[in-house]
Amino acid sequence: WKELQAKGWIAEANCFEIRAELPENLEVPYAVADKKEKYRIAAENPAKFEIVKELLDNHPEDSILIIGQYISQLKKMQEMIRVPIITGQTPNMEREKIYDLFRHGKERVIIVSKVANFAIDLPDASVAIQISGSFGSRQEEAQRLGRILRPKEKNAYFYSIISHRTVEEDFSANRQKFLTEQGYKYHIELW
């Protein structure tokens, strides 16, 4: 990837992990949950929504993909920011219409579930904001990062928002290791 980037075949990517605190009202449910439920509580941390809003404000000229694993979380995000959403339930004709609006700059931000991990062509996407994922899967990380790596005049930004001091941090270590092994700079910020 770094060799392709150096030759101008793909965009330079900046990777950020943003760690959000769990709200106080979720601390006890998180503490008593089993491992699978802990992951779900951490992944759907409502504190992530405010971070997404701020990132959208910080990238007013960019084409942005908000990516997530859990449909209920993505629908809440859609209600907050009022942008199109694509899930497995979205009919193909509607998906293509939304993708076309995005490609032509008529929609600057779209929300996508894991259906967007495969076979979509969105060359102008320059920012990806991942709000939940599949337990730190390297393949998923590569696919999601790949959505913003098409050559363009500006740098690409990949944000992964996780819940601080939760199982999400453990899984994010896989992502961090994968991205740094590929030669990408990886920044961690506490929110």
Protein backbone atom coordinates (compact mmCIF):
# COMPACT_ATOMS: atom_id res chain seq x y z
CA TRP A 1 0.00 0.00 0.00
CA LYS A 2 2.75 2.44 0.91
CA GLU A 3 4.51 1.73 -2.39
CA LEU A 4 1.27 2.38 -4.31
CA GLN A 5 0.78 5.57 -2.32
CA ALA A 6 4.31 6.77 -3.08
CA LYS A 7 3.66 6.25 -6.80
CA GLY A 8 0.40 8.22 -6.65
CA TRP A 9 -1.87 5.24 -7.33
CA ILE A 10 -3.70 5.64 -4.02
CA ALA A 11 -4.26 8.53 -1.62
CA GLU A 12 -2.16 9.11 1.48
CA ALA A 13 -4.18 8.00 4.50
CA ASN A 14 -4.14 9.33 8.04
CA CYS A 15 -5.54 6.83 10.56
CA PHE A 16 -6.99 7.92 13.89
CA GLU A 17 -8.45 5.99 16.77
CA ILE A 18 -10.67 8.14 18.94
CA ARG A 19 -11.51 6.76 22.36
CA ALA A 20 -14.82 7.81 23.90
CA GLU A 21 -15.79 7.28 27.53
CA LEU A 22 -18.79 5.09 28.29
CA PRO A 23 -21.60 7.17 29.79
CA GLU A 24 -22.10 6.63 33.52
CA ASN A 25 -25.48 4.96 33.01
CA LEU A 26 -23.82 2.18 30.95
CA GLU A 27 -20.97 1.39 33.34
CA VAL A 28 -22.92 -1.10 35.50
CA PRO A 29 -24.69 -2.85 32.58
CA TYR A 30 -21.28 -3.14 30.90
CA ALA A 31 -19.62 -4.51 34.06
CA VAL A 32 -22.18 -7.32 34.50
CA ALA A 33 -22.61 -8.24 30.81
CA ASP A 34 -21.14 -11.33 29.14
CA LYS A 35 -18.35 -10.83 26.58
CA LYS A 36 -20.64 -10.58 23.55
CA GLU A 37 -22.95 -8.09 25.27
CA LYS A 38 -19.95 -6.08 26.53
CA TYR A 39 -18.83 -5.67 22.93
CA ARG A 40 -22.30 -4.57 21.82
CA ILE A 41 -22.64 -2.02 24.66
CA ALA A 42 -19.18 -0.61 23.89
CA ALA A 43 -19.80 -0.57 20.13
CA GLU A 44 -23.11 1.26 20.47
CA ASN A 45 -21.81 3.82 22.96
CA PRO A 46 -24.00 6.91 22.42
CA ALA A 47 -21.02 9.19 23.13
CA LYS A 48 -19.80 8.27 19.63
CA PHE A 49 -22.58 10.33 18.03
CA GLU A 50 -21.22 13.66 19.28
CA ILE A 51 -17.75 12.72 18.05
CA VAL A 52 -19.16 11.97 14.60
CA LYS A 53 -20.93 15.34 14.51
CA GLU A 54 -17.68 17.12 15.37
CA LEU A 55 -15.75 15.17 12.74
CA LEU A 56 -18.37 16.13 10.15
CA ASP A 57 -17.91 19.78 11.14
CA ASN A 58 -14.12 19.37 10.86
CA HIS A 59 -14.38 18.04 7.27
CA PRO A 60 -16.88 20.41 5.58
CA GLU A 61 -15.46 19.91 2.08
CA ASP A 62 -14.98 16.14 2.19
CA SER A 63 -17.09 13.24 0.97
CA ILE A 64 -17.66 11.11 4.06
CA LEU A 65 -18.69 7.52 4.73
CA ILE A 66 -19.99 6.66 8.19
CA ILE A 67 -19.58 2.91 8.60
CA GLY A 68 -20.98 0.60 11.25
CA GLN A 69 -21.89 -2.92 12.20
CA TYR A 70 -25.17 -2.46 14.08
CA ILE A 71 -28.23 -1.31 12.14
CA SER A 72 -29.96 0.18 15.20
CA GLN A 73 -26.88 2.35 15.83
CA LEU A 74 -26.73 3.44 12.19
CA LYS A 75 -30.43 4.35 12.18
CA LYS A 76 -29.96 6.50 15.31
CA MET A 77 -27.05 8.22 13.58
CA GLN A 78 -29.23 8.84 10.54
CA GLU A 79 -31.96 10.38 12.71
CA MET A 80 -29.42 12.76 14.20
CA ILE A 81 -27.71 13.97 11.03
CA ARG A 82 -30.38 13.34 8.37
CA VAL A 83 -28.33 11.72 5.61
CA PRO A 84 -29.03 8.66 3.44
CA ILE A 85 -28.41 5.19 4.87
CA ILE A 86 -27.62 1.95 3.04
CA THR A 87 -28.13 -1.41 4.77
CA GLY A 88 -28.79 -4.96 3.62
CA GLN A 89 -32.50 -4.02 3.52
CA THR A 90 -31.97 -1.19 1.04
CA PRO A 91 -33.21 -2.24 -2.43
CA ASN A 92 -30.50 -2.30 -5.11
CA MET A 93 -32.09 0.52 -7.13
CA GLU A 94 -32.19 2.77 -4.08
CA ARG A 95 -28.58 1.88 -3.21
CA GLU A 96 -27.44 2.83 -6.69
CA LYS A 97 -29.38 6.09 -6.51
CA ILE A 98 -27.70 7.00 -3.19
CA TYR A 99 -24.26 5.99 -4.46
CA ASP A 100 -24.82 8.09 -7.59
CA LEU A 101 -25.83 11.14 -5.53
CA PHE A 102 -22.68 10.66 -3.44
CA ARG A 103 -20.45 10.23 -6.51
CA HIS A 104 -21.80 13.47 -8.00
CA GLY A 105 -21.48 15.51 -4.82
CA LYS A 106 -25.22 15.87 -4.23
CA GLU A 107 -24.87 13.93 -0.98
CA ARG A 108 -21.67 14.69 0.92
CA VAL A 109 -22.25 12.14 3.71
CA ILE A 110 -23.78 8.67 3.62
CA ILE A 111 -24.15 6.01 6.28
CA VAL A 112 -23.35 2.44 5.26
CA SER A 113 -23.55 -0.91 7.00
CA LYS A 114 -21.19 -3.78 6.27
CA VAL A 115 -22.88 -4.19 2.85
CA ALA A 116 -20.49 -1.47 1.70
CA ASN A 117 -17.45 -3.58 2.59
CA PHE A 118 -17.56 -5.19 -0.86
CA ALA A 119 -17.74 -4.08 -4.49
CA ILE A 120 -18.70 -0.42 -4.35
CA ASP A 121 -16.97 2.31 -6.29
CA LEU A 122 -16.97 5.66 -4.50
CA PRO A 123 -13.79 7.32 -5.78
CA ASP A 124 -14.37 10.70 -4.17
CA ALA A 125 -14.79 9.41 -0.61
CA SER A 126 -11.95 10.94 1.39
CA VAL A 127 -13.10 10.36 4.97
CA ALA A 128 -14.33 7.16 6.61
CA ILE A 129 -15.71 7.23 10.15
CA GLN A 130 -16.05 3.76 11.60
CA ILE A 131 -18.40 3.69 14.60
CA SER A 132 -18.55 -0.09 15.05
CA GLY A 133 -17.00 -3.13 13.43
CA SER A 134 -16.44 -6.88 13.51
CA PHE A 135 -14.17 -7.44 16.48
CA GLY A 136 -11.06 -5.88 14.92
CA SER A 137 -11.10 -7.95 11.71
CA ARG A 138 -8.07 -7.17 9.56
CA GLN A 139 -9.97 -7.98 6.37
CA GLU A 140 -12.78 -5.62 7.30
CA GLU A 141 -10.28 -2.91 8.21
CA ALA A 142 -8.56 -3.24 4.83
CA GLN A 143 -11.89 -3.09 3.00
CA ARG A 144 -13.08 -0.04 4.92
CA LEU A 145 -9.79 1.79 4.54
CA GLY A 146 -9.79 0.89 0.86
CA ARG A 147 -13.01 2.89 0.37
CA ILE A 148 -11.06 6.14 0.76
CA LEU A 149 -7.74 5.29 -0.90
CA ARG A 150 -8.56 6.15 -4.50
CA PRO A 151 -6.09 8.74 -5.85
CA LYS A 152 -7.20 12.32 -5.22
CA GLU A 153 -5.77 15.76 -4.65
CA LYS A 154 -6.25 15.61 -0.88
CA ASN A 155 -5.31 13.21 1.88
CA ALA A 156 -7.70 10.57 3.14
CA TYR A 157 -8.75 10.25 6.78
CA PHE A 158 -9.83 7.05 8.49
CA TYR A 159 -11.36 7.45 11.95
CA SER A 160 -12.22 4.52 14.16
CA ILE A 161 -14.25 5.53 17.21
CA ILE A 162 -14.09 3.09 20.11
CA SER A 163 -15.15 3.03 23.76
CA HIS A 164 -12.28 3.68 26.15
CA ARG A 165 -11.42 1.00 28.74
CA THR A 166 -13.68 -1.63 27.14
CA VAL A 167 -13.29 -4.78 25.07
CA GLU A 168 -13.34 -2.53 22.01
CA GLU A 169 -9.86 -1.33 22.98
CA ASP A 170 -8.63 -4.92 22.95
CA PHE A 171 -9.97 -5.47 19.44
CA SER A 172 -8.68 -2.12 18.24
CA ALA A 173 -5.16 -3.33 18.98
CA ASN A 174 -5.56 -5.74 16.03
CA ARG A 175 -6.52 -2.83 13.77
CA GLN A 176 -3.66 -0.70 15.01
CA LYS A 177 -1.15 -3.49 14.47
CA PHE A 178 -2.47 -4.21 10.98
CA LEU A 179 -2.42 -0.57 9.86
CA THR A 180 1.04 0.14 11.28
CA GLU A 181 2.37 -3.05 9.65
CA GLN A 182 1.10 -1.62 6.36
CA GLY A 183 3.10 1.55 7.02
CA TYR A 184 0.26 3.88 8.00
CA LYS A 185 0.62 6.41 10.78
CA TYR A 186 -1.85 5.59 13.53
CA HIS A 187 -2.85 8.25 16.04
CA ILE A 188 -4.77 7.62 19.27
CA GLU A 189 -6.79 10.42 20.84
CA LEU A 190 -8.91 10.50 23.98
CA TRP A 191 -12.16 12.40 23.62
